[in-house]
PDB file of N, CA and C in Angstrom:
ATOM      1  N   MET A   1       0.831  -1.179   0.000  1.00  0.00           N
ATOM      2  CA  MET A   1       0.000   0.000   0.000  1.00  0.00           C
ATOM      3  C   MET A   1       0.883   1.253   0.000  1.00  0.00           C
ATOM      4  N   ILE A   2       0.593   2.162  -0.896  1.00  0.00           N
ATOM      5  CA  ILE A   2       1.308   3.432  -0.972  1.00  0.00           C
ATOM      6  C   ILE A   2       0.413   4.505  -0.360  1.00  0.00           C
ATOM      7  N   LYS A   3       0.989   5.263   0.579  1.00  0.00           N
ATOM      8  CA  LYS A   3       0.229   6.321   1.232  1.00  0.00           C
ATOM      9  C   LYS A   3       1.085   7.571   1.346  1.00  0.00           C
ATOM     10  N   MET A   4       0.582   8.688   0.790  1.00  0.00           N
ATOM     11  CA  MET A   4       1.298   9.944   0.923  1.00  0.00           C
ATOM     12  C   MET A   4       0.988  10.511   2.301  1.00  0.00           C
ATOM     13  N   GLU A   5       2.031  10.814   3.065  1.00  0.00           N
ATOM     14  CA  GLU A   5       1.868  11.263   4.435  1.00  0.00           C
ATOM     15  C   GLU A   5       1.920  12.776   4.564  1.00  0.00           C
ATOM     16  N   ARG A   6       3.039  13.379   4.166  1.00  0.00           N
ATOM     17  CA  ARG A   6       3.249  14.813   4.370  1.00  0.00           C
ATOM     18  C   ARG A   6       4.019  15.409   3.196  1.00  0.00           C
ATOM     19  N   THR A   7       3.857  16.699   3.042  1.00  0.00           N
ATOM     20  CA  THR A   7       4.659  17.426   2.069  1.00  0.00           C
ATOM     21  C   THR A   7       5.240  18.663   2.749  1.00  0.00           C
ATOM     22  N   CYS A   8       6.347  19.132   2.226  1.00  0.00           N
ATOM     23  CA  CYS A   8       7.018  20.307   2.761  1.00  0.00           C
ATOM     24  C   CYS A   8       7.676  21.030   1.597  1.00  0.00           C
ATOM     25  N   SER A   9       7.706  22.354   1.663  1.00  0.00           N
ATOM     26  CA  SER A   9       8.350  23.109   0.590  1.00  0.00           C
ATOM     27  C   SER A   9       9.089  24.307   1.172  1.00  0.00           C
ATOM     28  N   SER A  10      10.034  24.809   0.400  1.00  0.00           N
ATOM     29  CA  SER A  10      10.813  25.973   0.801  1.00  0.00           C
ATOM     30  C   SER A  10      11.258  26.715  -0.453  1.00  0.00           C
ATOM     31  N   LEU A  11      11.338  28.033  -0.355  1.00  0.00           N
ATOM     32  CA  LEU A  11      11.767  28.828  -1.499  1.00  0.00           C
ATOM     33  C   LEU A  11      13.258  28.708  -1.759  1.00  0.00           C
ATOM     34  N   LYS A  12      14.076  28.618  -0.687  1.00  0.00           N
ATOM     35  CA  LYS A  12      15.526  28.530  -0.856  1.00  0.00           C
ATOM     36  C   LYS A  12      16.109  27.646   0.247  1.00  0.00           C
ATOM     37  N   CYS A  13      16.960  26.691  -0.153  1.00  0.00           N
ATOM     38  CA  CYS A  13      17.597  25.764   0.779  1.00  0.00           C
ATOM     39  C   CYS A  13      19.106  25.758   0.557  1.00  0.00           C
ATOM     40  N   ASP A  14      19.844  25.508   1.639  1.00  0.00           N
ATOM     41  CA  ASP A  14      21.287  25.310   1.526  1.00  0.00           C
ATOM     42  C   ASP A  14      21.562  23.863   1.150  1.00  0.00           C
ATOM     43  N   VAL A  15      22.617  23.635   0.373  1.00  0.00           N
ATOM     44  CA  VAL A  15      23.011  22.290  -0.036  1.00  0.00           C
ATOM     45  C   VAL A  15      24.403  22.010   0.508  1.00  0.00           C
ATOM     46  N   LEU A  16      24.545  20.899   1.259  1.00  0.00           N
ATOM     47  CA  LEU A  16      25.818  20.510   1.839  1.00  0.00           C
ATOM     48  C   LEU A  16      26.319  19.223   1.199  1.00  0.00           C
ATOM     49  N   HIS A  17      27.621  19.164   0.954  1.00  0.00           N
ATOM     50  CA  HIS A  17      28.273  17.951   0.457  1.00  0.00           C
ATOM     51  C   HIS A  17      29.479  17.707   1.350  1.00  0.00           C
ATOM     52  N   LYS A  18      29.486  16.591   2.058  1.00  0.00           N
ATOM     53  CA  LYS A  18      30.543  16.247   3.019  1.00  0.00           C
ATOM     54  C   LYS A  18      30.700  17.337   4.079  1.00  0.00           C
ATOM     55  N   GLY A  19      29.571  17.908   4.517  1.00  0.00           N
ATOM     56  CA  GLY A  19      29.568  18.887   5.591  1.00  0.00           C
ATOM     57  C   GLY A  19      29.887  20.311   5.202  1.00  0.00           C
ATOM     58  N   VAL A  20      30.119  20.575   3.917  1.00  0.00           N
ATOM     59  CA  VAL A  20      30.472  21.912   3.437  1.00  0.00           C
ATOM     60  C   VAL A  20      29.358  22.415   2.522  1.00  0.00           C
ATOM     61  N   ILE A  21      28.957  23.673   2.714  1.00  0.00           N
ATOM     62  CA  ILE A  21      27.934  24.255   1.844  1.00  0.00           C
ATOM     63  C   ILE A  21      28.512  24.432   0.443  1.00  0.00           C
ATOM     64  N   ILE A  22      27.846  23.826  -0.540  1.00  0.00           N
ATOM     65  CA  ILE A  22      28.326  23.908  -1.925  1.00  0.00           C
ATOM     66  C   ILE A  22      27.430  24.761  -2.805  1.00  0.00           C
ATOM     67  N   GLY A  23      26.233  25.129  -2.306  1.00  0.00           N
ATOM     68  CA  GLY A  23      25.349  25.940  -3.128  1.00  0.00           C
ATOM     69  C   GLY A  23      23.963  26.059  -2.541  1.00  0.00           C
ATOM     70  N   LYS A  24      23.019  26.451  -3.394  1.00  0.00           N
ATOM     71  CA  LYS A  24      21.625  26.677  -3.003  1.00  0.00           C
ATOM     72  C   LYS A  24      20.702  25.947  -3.967  1.00  0.00           C
ATOM     73  N   MET A  25      19.553  25.526  -3.425  1.00  0.00           N
ATOM     74  CA  MET A  25      18.456  25.013  -4.241  1.00  0.00           C
ATOM     75  C   MET A  25      17.282  25.952  -4.048  1.00  0.00           C
ATOM     76  N   GLU A  26      16.593  26.236  -5.125  1.00  0.00           N
ATOM     77  CA  GLU A  26      15.422  27.102  -5.074  1.00  0.00           C
ATOM     78  C   GLU A  26      14.181  26.309  -5.441  1.00  0.00           C
ATOM     79  N   GLY A  27      13.056  26.665  -4.835  1.00  0.00           N
ATOM     80  CA  GLY A  27      11.778  26.017  -5.141  1.00  0.00           C
ATOM     81  C   GLY A  27      11.784  24.536  -4.824  1.00  0.00           C
ATOM     82  N   VAL A  28      12.163  24.176  -3.601  1.00  0.00           N
ATOM     83  CA  VAL A  28      12.310  22.773  -3.222  1.00  0.00           C
ATOM     84  C   VAL A  28      11.014  22.251  -2.596  1.00  0.00           C
ATOM     85  N   ASN A  29      10.576  21.081  -3.047  1.00  0.00           N
ATOM     86  CA  ASN A  29       9.422  20.379  -2.479  1.00  0.00           C
ATOM     87  C   ASN A  29       9.860  18.970  -2.128  1.00  0.00           C
ATOM     88  N   VAL A  30       9.427  18.463  -0.974  1.00  0.00           N
ATOM     89  CA  VAL A  30       9.712  17.085  -0.590  1.00  0.00           C
ATOM     90  C   VAL A  30       8.419  16.445  -0.088  1.00  0.00           C
ATOM     91  N   THR A  31       8.215  15.172  -0.443  1.00  0.00           N
ATOM     92  CA  THR A  31       7.031  14.409  -0.051  1.00  0.00           C
ATOM     93  C   THR A  31       7.458  13.159   0.689  1.00  0.00           C
ATOM     94  N   GLN A  32       6.787  12.894   1.811  1.00  0.00           N
ATOM     95  CA  GLN A  32       7.044  11.681   2.594  1.00  0.00           C
ATOM     96  C   GLN A  32       5.997  10.640   2.207  1.00  0.00           C
ATOM     97  N   TRP A  33       6.466   9.475   1.773  1.00  0.00           N
ATOM     98  CA  TRP A  33       5.594   8.371   1.374  1.00  0.00           C
ATOM     99  C   TRP A  33       5.783   7.204   2.325  1.00  0.00           C
ATOM    100  N   PHE A  34       4.724   6.461   2.582  1.00  0.00           N
ATOM    101  CA  PHE A  34       4.841   5.203   3.323  1.00  0.00           C
ATOM    102  C   PHE A  34       4.657   4.087   2.308  1.00  0.00           C
ATOM    103  N   LEU A  35       5.703   3.273   2.130  1.00  0.00           N
ATOM    104  CA  LEU A  35       5.709   2.261   1.087  1.00  0.00           C
ATOM    105  C   LEU A  35       6.396   1.003   1.597  1.00  0.00           C
ATOM    106  N   LYS A  36       5.694  -0.105   1.600  1.00  0.00           N
ATOM    107  CA  LYS A  36       6.260  -1.402   1.991  1.00  0.00           C
ATOM    108  C   LYS A  36       6.945  -1.348   3.357  1.00  0.00           C
ATOM    109  N   ASN A  37       6.235  -0.865   4.355  1.00  0.00           N
ATOM    110  CA  ASN A  37       6.685  -0.858   5.763  1.00  0.00           C
ATOM    111  C   ASN A  37       7.846   0.081   6.055  1.00  0.00           C
ATOM    112  N   HIS A  38       8.127   1.047   5.215  1.00  0.00           N
ATOM    113  CA  HIS A  38       9.125   2.064   5.540  1.00  0.00           C
ATOM    114  C   HIS A  38       8.775   3.368   4.824  1.00  0.00           C
ATOM    115  N   TYR A  39       9.387   4.438   5.297  1.00  0.00           N
ATOM    116  CA  TYR A  39       9.150   5.745   4.701  1.00  0.00           C
ATOM    117  C   TYR A  39      10.124   5.997   3.557  1.00  0.00           C
ATOM    118  N   SER A  40       9.638   6.704   2.553  1.00  0.00           N
ATOM    119  CA  SER A  40      10.441   7.101   1.409  1.00  0.00           C
ATOM    120  C   SER A  40      10.237   8.599   1.217  1.00  0.00           C
ATOM    121  N   TYR A  41      11.306   9.301   0.860  1.00  0.00           N
ATOM    122  CA  TYR A  41      11.249  10.751   0.693  1.00  0.00           C
ATOM    123  C   TYR A  41      11.698  11.106  -0.722  1.00  0.00           C
ATOM    124  N   THR A  42      10.806  11.712  -1.478  1.00  0.00           N
ATOM    125  CA  THR A  42      11.132  12.153  -2.833  1.00  0.00           C
ATOM    126  C   THR A  42      10.900  13.655  -2.928  1.00  0.00           C
ATOM    127  N   GLY A  43      11.641  14.295  -3.803  1.00  0.00           N
ATOM    128  CA  GLY A  43      11.491  15.737  -3.922  1.00  0.00           C
ATOM    129  C   GLY A  43      11.879  16.250  -5.287  1.00  0.00           C
ATOM    130  N   ALA A  44      11.605  17.532  -5.480  1.00  0.00           N
ATOM    131  CA  ALA A  44      11.937  18.218  -6.735  1.00  0.00           C
ATOM    132  C   ALA A  44      12.408  19.627  -6.396  1.00  0.00           C
ATOM    133  N   PHE A  45      13.183  20.200  -7.308  1.00  0.00           N
ATOM    134  CA  PHE A  45      13.659  21.564  -7.138  1.00  0.00           C
ATOM    135  C   PHE A  45      13.616  22.280  -8.481  1.00  0.00           C
ATOM    136  N   SER A  46      13.470  23.613  -8.423  1.00  0.00           N
ATOM    137  CA  SER A  46      13.364  24.371  -9.669  1.00  0.00           C
ATOM    138  C   SER A  46      14.713  24.871 -10.161  1.00  0.00           C
ATOM    139  N   ARG A  47      15.713  25.002  -9.243  1.00  0.00           N
ATOM    140  CA  ARG A  47      17.047  25.409  -9.677  1.00  0.00           C
ATOM    141  C   ARG A  47      18.074  24.989  -8.631  1.00  0.00           C
ATOM    142  N   PHE A  48      19.238  24.494  -9.105  1.00  0.00           N
ATOM    143  CA  PHE A  48      20.362  24.136  -8.242  1.00  0.00           C
ATOM    144  C   PHE A  48      21.556  24.961  -8.689  1.00  0.00           C
ATOM    145  N   VAL A  49      22.045  25.849  -7.819  1.00  0.00           N
ATOM    146  CA  VAL A  49      23.134  26.757  -8.154  1.00  0.00           C
ATOM    147  C   VAL A  49      24.330  26.438  -7.263  1.00  0.00           C
ATOM    148  N   THR A  50      25.487  26.179  -7.869  1.00  0.00           N
ATOM    149  CA  THR A  50      26.713  25.920  -7.139  1.00  0.00           C
ATOM    150  C   THR A  50      27.890  26.564  -7.874  1.00  0.00           C
ATOM    151  N   GLU A  51      28.936  26.910  -7.121  1.00  0.00           N
ATOM    152  CA  GLU A  51      30.118  27.499  -7.750  1.00  0.00           C
ATOM    153  C   GLU A  51      31.027  26.433  -8.377  1.00  0.00           C
ATOM    154  N   ASN A  52      30.954  25.205  -7.881  1.00  0.00           N
ATOM    155  CA  ASN A  52      31.806  24.129  -8.359  1.00  0.00           C
ATOM    156  C   ASN A  52      31.070  23.322  -9.429  1.00  0.00           C
ATOM    157  N   PRO A  53      31.439  23.423 -10.694  1.00  0.00           N
ATOM    158  CA  PRO A  53      30.718  22.702 -11.748  1.00  0.00           C
ATOM    159  C   PRO A  53      30.833  21.179 -11.635  1.00  0.00           C
ATOM    160  N   GLU A  54      31.862  20.664 -10.954  1.00  0.00           N
ATOM    161  CA  GLU A  54      31.994  19.214 -10.779  1.00  0.00           C
ATOM    162  C   GLU A  54      30.901  18.650  -9.873  1.00  0.00           C
ATOM    163  N   LEU A  55      30.360  19.471  -8.986  1.00  0.00           N
ATOM    164  CA  LEU A  55      29.326  19.020  -8.057  1.00  0.00           C
ATOM    165  C   LEU A  55      27.918  19.308  -8.566  1.00  0.00           C
ATOM    166  N   ASN A  56      27.797  19.912  -9.731  1.00  0.00           N
ATOM    167  CA  ASN A  56      26.503  20.223 -10.315  1.00  0.00           C
ATOM    168  C   ASN A  56      26.123  19.128 -11.316  1.00  0.00           C
ATOM    169  N   ARG A  57      25.827  17.937 -10.778  1.00  0.00           N
ATOM    170  CA  ARG A  57      25.526  16.784 -11.641  1.00  0.00           C
ATOM    171  C   ARG A  57      24.576  15.835 -10.927  1.00  0.00           C
ATOM    172  N   SER A  58      23.988  14.932 -11.662  1.00  0.00           N
ATOM    173  CA  SER A  58      23.133  13.916 -11.053  1.00  0.00           C
ATOM    174  C   SER A  58      24.006  12.822 -10.439  1.00  0.00           C
ATOM    175  N   GLY A  59      23.435  12.109  -9.464  1.00  0.00           N
ATOM    176  CA  GLY A  59      24.143  11.025  -8.800  1.00  0.00           C
ATOM    177  C   GLY A  59      24.912  11.444  -7.569  1.00  0.00           C
ATOM    178  N   ILE A  60      25.006  12.734  -7.291  1.00  0.00           N
ATOM    179  CA  ILE A  60      25.758  13.211  -6.139  1.00  0.00           C
ATOM    180  C   ILE A  60      24.895  13.088  -4.871  1.00  0.00           C
ATOM    181  N   LYS A  61      25.519  12.766  -3.734  1.00  0.00           N
ATOM    182  CA  LYS A  61      24.831  12.661  -2.437  1.00  0.00           C
ATOM    183  C   LYS A  61      25.034  13.956  -1.672  1.00  0.00           C
ATOM    184  N   VAL A  62      23.937  14.589  -1.265  1.00  0.00           N
ATOM    185  CA  VAL A  62      23.986  15.868  -0.556  1.00  0.00           C
ATOM    186  C   VAL A  62      23.010  15.853   0.622  1.00  0.00           C
ATOM    187  N   ASP A  63      23.150  16.847   1.493  1.00  0.00           N
ATOM    188  CA  ASP A  63      22.168  17.128   2.531  1.00  0.00           C
ATOM    189  C   ASP A  63      21.505  18.450   2.162  1.00  0.00           C
ATOM    190  N   ILE A  64      20.178  18.490   2.215  1.00  0.00           N
ATOM    191  CA  ILE A  64      19.431  19.684   1.844  1.00  0.00           C
ATOM    192  C   ILE A  64      18.823  20.272   3.110  1.00  0.00           C
ATOM    193  N   VAL A  65      19.232  21.498   3.446  1.00  0.00           N
ATOM    194  CA  VAL A  65      18.807  22.150   4.686  1.00  0.00           C
ATOM    195  C   VAL A  65      17.659  23.109   4.387  1.00  0.00           C
ATOM    196  N   PHE A  66      16.479  22.815   4.929  1.00  0.00           N
ATOM    197  CA  PHE A  66      15.315  23.696   4.832  1.00  0.00           C
ATOM    198  C   PHE A  66      15.417  24.680   5.991  1.00  0.00           C
ATOM    199  N   ASN A  67      16.014  25.847   5.753  1.00  0.00           N
ATOM    200  CA  ASN A  67      16.282  26.800   6.829  1.00  0.00           C
ATOM    201  C   ASN A  67      15.025  27.336   7.489  1.00  0.00           C
ATOM    202  N   ASP A  68      13.977  27.576   6.720  1.00  0.00           N
ATOM    203  CA  ASP A  68      12.753  28.126   7.294  1.00  0.00           C
ATOM    204  C   ASP A  68      11.921  27.074   8.029  1.00  0.00           C
ATOM    205  N   ARG A  69      12.156  25.790   7.784  1.00  0.00           N
ATOM    206  CA  ARG A  69      11.404  24.709   8.415  1.00  0.00           C
ATOM    207  C   ARG A  69      12.185  23.985   9.511  1.00  0.00           C
ATOM    208  N   LYS A  70      13.483  24.268   9.609  1.00  0.00           N
ATOM    209  CA  LYS A  70      14.368  23.636  10.607  1.00  0.00           C
ATOM    210  C   LYS A  70      14.452  22.122  10.442  1.00  0.00           C
ATOM    211  N   ILE A  71      14.484  21.657   9.189  1.00  0.00           N
ATOM    212  CA  ILE A  71      14.682  20.237   8.905  1.00  0.00           C
ATOM    213  C   ILE A  71      15.785  20.061   7.871  1.00  0.00           C
ATOM    214  N   VAL A  72      16.324  18.832   7.807  1.00  0.00           N
ATOM    215  CA  VAL A  72      17.380  18.495   6.852  1.00  0.00           C
ATOM    216  C   VAL A  72      16.998  17.193   6.160  1.00  0.00           C
ATOM    217  N   ALA A  73      17.044  17.182   4.841  1.00  0.00           N
ATOM    218  CA  ALA A  73      16.884  15.954   4.056  1.00  0.00           C
ATOM    219  C   ALA A  73      18.278  15.344   3.929  1.00  0.00           C
ATOM    220  N   LYS A  74      18.532  14.271   4.695  1.00  0.00           N
ATOM    221  CA  LYS A  74      19.860  13.678   4.767  1.00  0.00           C
ATOM    222  C   LYS A  74      20.079  12.664   3.642  1.00  0.00           C
ATOM    223  N   ASP A  75      21.318  12.586   3.184  1.00  0.00           N
ATOM    224  CA  ASP A  75      21.744  11.625   2.160  1.00  0.00           C
ATOM    225  C   ASP A  75      20.825  11.636   0.939  1.00  0.00           C
ATOM    226  N   ALA A  76      20.534  12.832   0.450  1.00  0.00           N
ATOM    227  CA  ALA A  76      19.683  12.972  -0.729  1.00  0.00           C
ATOM    228  C   ALA A  76      20.525  12.728  -1.982  1.00  0.00           C
ATOM    229  N   CYS A  77      20.068  11.826  -2.818  1.00  0.00           N
ATOM    230  CA  CYS A  77      20.743  11.533  -4.078  1.00  0.00           C
ATOM    231  C   CYS A  77      19.993  12.261  -5.195  1.00  0.00           C
ATOM    232  N   ILE A  78      20.696  13.127  -5.897  1.00  0.00           N
ATOM    233  CA  ILE A  78      20.068  13.860  -6.993  1.00  0.00           C
ATOM    234  C   ILE A  78      19.879  12.897  -8.162  1.00  0.00           C
ATOM    235  N   SER A  79      18.622  12.652  -8.518  1.00  0.00           N
ATOM    236  CA  SER A  79      18.296  11.683  -9.566  1.00  0.00           C
ATOM    237  C   SER A  79      18.650  12.204 -10.952  1.00  0.00           C
ATOM    238  N   TRP A  80      18.247  13.411 -11.253  1.00  0.00           N
ATOM    239  CA  TRP A  80      18.579  14.016 -12.539  1.00  0.00           C
ATOM    240  C   TRP A  80      18.504  15.523 -12.428  1.00  0.00           C
ATOM    241  N   ILE A  81      19.250  16.193 -13.304  1.00  0.00           N
ATOM    242  CA  ILE A  81      19.225  17.646 -13.438  1.00  0.00           C
ATOM    243  C   ILE A  81      19.114  17.972 -14.921  1.00  0.00           C
ATOM    244  N   ARG A  82      18.153  18.797 -15.264  1.00  0.00           N
ATOM    245  CA  ARG A  82      17.997  19.240 -16.649  1.00  0.00           C
ATOM    246  C   ARG A  82      19.004  20.350 -16.918  1.00  0.00           C
ATOM    247  N   GLY A  83      19.711  20.257 -18.009  1.00  0.00           N
ATOM    248  CA  GLY A  83      20.823  21.134 -18.346  1.00  0.00           C
ATOM    249  C   GLY A  83      20.643  22.624 -18.175  1.00  0.00           C
ATOM    250  N   PRO A  84      19.941  23.299 -19.074  1.00  0.00           N
ATOM    251  CA  PRO A  84      19.950  24.761 -19.024  1.00  0.00           C
ATOM    252  C   PRO A  84      19.184  25.356 -17.838  1.00  0.00           C
ATOM    253  N   THR A  85      18.105  24.735 -17.415  1.00  0.00           N
ATOM    254  CA  THR A  85      17.293  25.311 -16.338  1.00  0.00           C
ATOM    255  C   THR A  85      17.733  24.868 -14.951  1.00  0.00           C
ATOM    256  N   LYS A  86      18.517  23.780 -14.851  1.00  0.00           N
ATOM    257  CA  LYS A  86      19.046  23.257 -13.583  1.00  0.00           C
ATOM    258  C   LYS A  86      17.954  22.806 -12.622  1.00  0.00           C
ATOM    259  N   ASN A  87      16.785  22.406 -13.136  1.00  0.00           N
ATOM    260  CA  ASN A  87      15.766  21.825 -12.265  1.00  0.00           C
ATOM    261  C   ASN A  87      15.923  20.311 -12.262  1.00  0.00           C
ATOM    262  N   GLY A  88      15.353  19.639 -11.244  1.00  0.00           N
ATOM    263  CA  GLY A  88      15.505  18.198 -11.177  1.00  0.00           C
ATOM    264  C   GLY A  88      14.792  17.578  -9.988  1.00  0.00           C
ATOM    265  N   THR A  89      15.148  16.319  -9.698  1.00  0.00           N
ATOM    266  CA  THR A  89      14.524  15.568  -8.607  1.00  0.00           C
ATOM    267  C   THR A  89      15.590  14.912  -7.739  1.00  0.00           C
ATOM    268  N   PHE A  90      15.170  14.474  -6.536  1.00  0.00           N
ATOM    269  CA  PHE A  90      16.066  13.786  -5.618  1.00  0.00           C
ATOM    270  C   PHE A  90      15.286  12.800  -4.759  1.00  0.00           C
ATOM    271  N   ASN A  91      16.008  11.847  -4.191  1.00  0.00           N
ATOM    272  CA  ASN A  91      15.471  10.892  -3.213  1.00  0.00           C
ATOM    273  C   ASN A  91      16.336  10.978  -1.967  1.00  0.00           C
ATOM    274  N   ALA A  92      15.702  11.162  -0.805  1.00  0.00           N
ATOM    275  CA  ALA A  92      16.441  11.280   0.455  1.00  0.00           C
ATOM    276  C   ALA A  92      16.259  10.020   1.294  1.00  0.00           C
ATOM    277  N   LYS A  93      17.283   9.678   2.074  1.00  0.00           N
ATOM    278  CA  LYS A  93      17.216   8.510   2.962  1.00  0.00           C
ATOM    279  C   LYS A  93      16.330   8.776   4.170  1.00  0.00           C
ATOM    280  N   ARG A  94      16.460  10.003   4.740  1.00  0.00           N
ATOM    281  CA  ARG A  94      15.685  10.340   5.941  1.00  0.00           C
ATOM    282  C   ARG A  94      15.575  11.856   6.082  1.00  0.00           C
ATOM    283  N   ILE A  95      14.657  12.252   6.938  1.00  0.00           N
ATOM    284  CA  ILE A  95      14.475  13.658   7.294  1.00  0.00           C
ATOM    285  C   ILE A  95      14.787  13.797   8.772  1.00  0.00           C
ATOM    286  N   GLU A  96      15.626  14.804   9.112  1.00  0.00           N
ATOM    287  CA  GLU A  96      16.005  15.022  10.502  1.00  0.00           C
ATOM    288  C   GLU A  96      15.737  16.461  10.904  1.00  0.00           C
ATOM    289  N   ASP A  97      15.645  16.668  12.216  1.00  0.00           N
ATOM    290  CA  ASP A  97      15.534  18.011  12.769  1.00  0.00           C
ATOM    291  C   ASP A  97      16.897  18.668  12.681  1.00  0.00           C
ATOM    292  N   SER A  98      16.971  19.920  12.244  1.00  0.00           N
ATOM    293  CA  SER A  98      18.264  20.573  12.085  1.00  0.00           C
ATOM    294  C   SER A  98      18.805  21.138  13.395  1.00  0.00           C
ATOM    295  N   ASN A  99      17.984  21.193  14.452  1.00  0.00           N
ATOM    296  CA  ASN A  99      18.470  21.647  15.761  1.00  0.00           C
ATOM    297  C   ASN A  99      19.110  20.492  16.504  1.00  0.00           C
ATOM    298  N   PRO A 100      20.329  20.684  17.058  1.00  0.00           N
ATOM    299  CA  PRO A 100      20.990  19.572  17.752  1.00  0.00           C
ATOM    300  C   PRO A 100      20.329  19.217  19.067  1.00  0.00           C
TER     301      PRO A 100
END
């Protein structure tokens, strides 16, 4: 049984790779799904901006910090990025509270 649980969105998020901020994502949406006895997190973004072109690709593992919501999408794998517009999708392993 597939059940959509919650959704969350943010206009601008910080993107971390190995604990270092590498850029920003704009127009980020994430959805929590319950599927086969575990939660799954999928999301989309309208633009991914980074100064390092080597890190602006699909397949990279990042943490996405929703600053206005105080949550972090941990171990998010960017599924694909469309070339000129830099929009795309991601799958996250888990969602955590950003406050220690």
